[in-house]
Amino acid sequence: MRLLLAFIDWIRGRRQRRLEGETTQYSADDPWVLQQIEKFERELKR
């Protein structure tokens, strides 16, 4: 359940940033993207 809520918050945050006009594109090998994937995988393992 916590994972679902964290995922929803993450999506909301991305949507909000997009609405604010931030058009940053992330590539798959961007350190921030890799960090988010690792954090997500750690949550999945709980």
Protein backbone atom coordinates (compact mmCIF):
# COMPACT_ATOMS: atom_id res chain seq x y z
CA MET A 1 0.00 0.00 0.00
CA ARG A 2 2.84 2.42 0.87
CA LEU A 3 4.44 1.62 -2.48
CA LEU A 4 1.23 2.49 -4.31
CA LEU A 5 0.93 5.80 -2.45
CA ALA A 6 4.59 6.63 -3.12
CA PHE A 7 4.08 5.88 -6.81
CA ILE A 8 0.96 8.08 -6.96
CA ASP A 9 2.84 10.93 -5.23
CA TRP A 10 5.70 10.51 -7.72
CA ILE A 11 3.31 10.71 -10.68
CA ARG A 12 1.58 13.76 -9.17
CA GLY A 13 4.91 15.47 -8.67
CA ARG A 14 5.94 14.81 -12.26
CA ARG A 15 2.61 16.06 -13.57
CA GLN A 16 2.80 19.20 -11.42
CA ARG A 17 6.33 19.99 -12.63
CA ARG A 18 5.17 19.54 -16.23
CA LEU A 19 2.24 21.90 -15.65
CA GLU A 20 4.63 24.49 -14.23
CA GLY A 21 6.33 24.55 -17.61
CA GLU A 22 9.39 22.50 -16.80
CA THR A 23 10.16 20.56 -19.96
CA THR A 24 13.28 18.72 -18.81
CA GLN A 25 13.73 15.48 -20.72
CA TYR A 26 15.40 12.61 -18.86
CA SER A 27 17.42 9.99 -20.68
CA ALA A 28 17.51 6.43 -19.37
CA ASP A 29 21.15 6.74 -18.27
CA ASP A 30 20.60 10.02 -16.41
CA PRO A 31 21.87 9.58 -12.82
CA TRP A 32 18.59 10.95 -11.44
CA VAL A 33 16.59 8.34 -13.40
CA LEU A 34 18.86 5.51 -12.22
CA GLN A 35 18.49 6.74 -8.63
CA GLN A 36 14.69 6.77 -8.93
CA ILE A 37 14.67 3.25 -10.39
CA GLU A 38 16.87 1.97 -7.56
CA LYS A 39 14.65 3.62 -4.96
CA PHE A 40 11.57 2.09 -6.59
CA GLU A 41 13.18 -1.38 -6.65
CA ARG A 42 14.08 -1.07 -2.93
CA GLU A 43 10.44 -0.22 -2.15
CA LEU A 44 9.29 -3.25 -4.17
CA LYS A 45 11.50 -5.57 -2.11
CA ARG A 46 9.90 -4.50 1.20
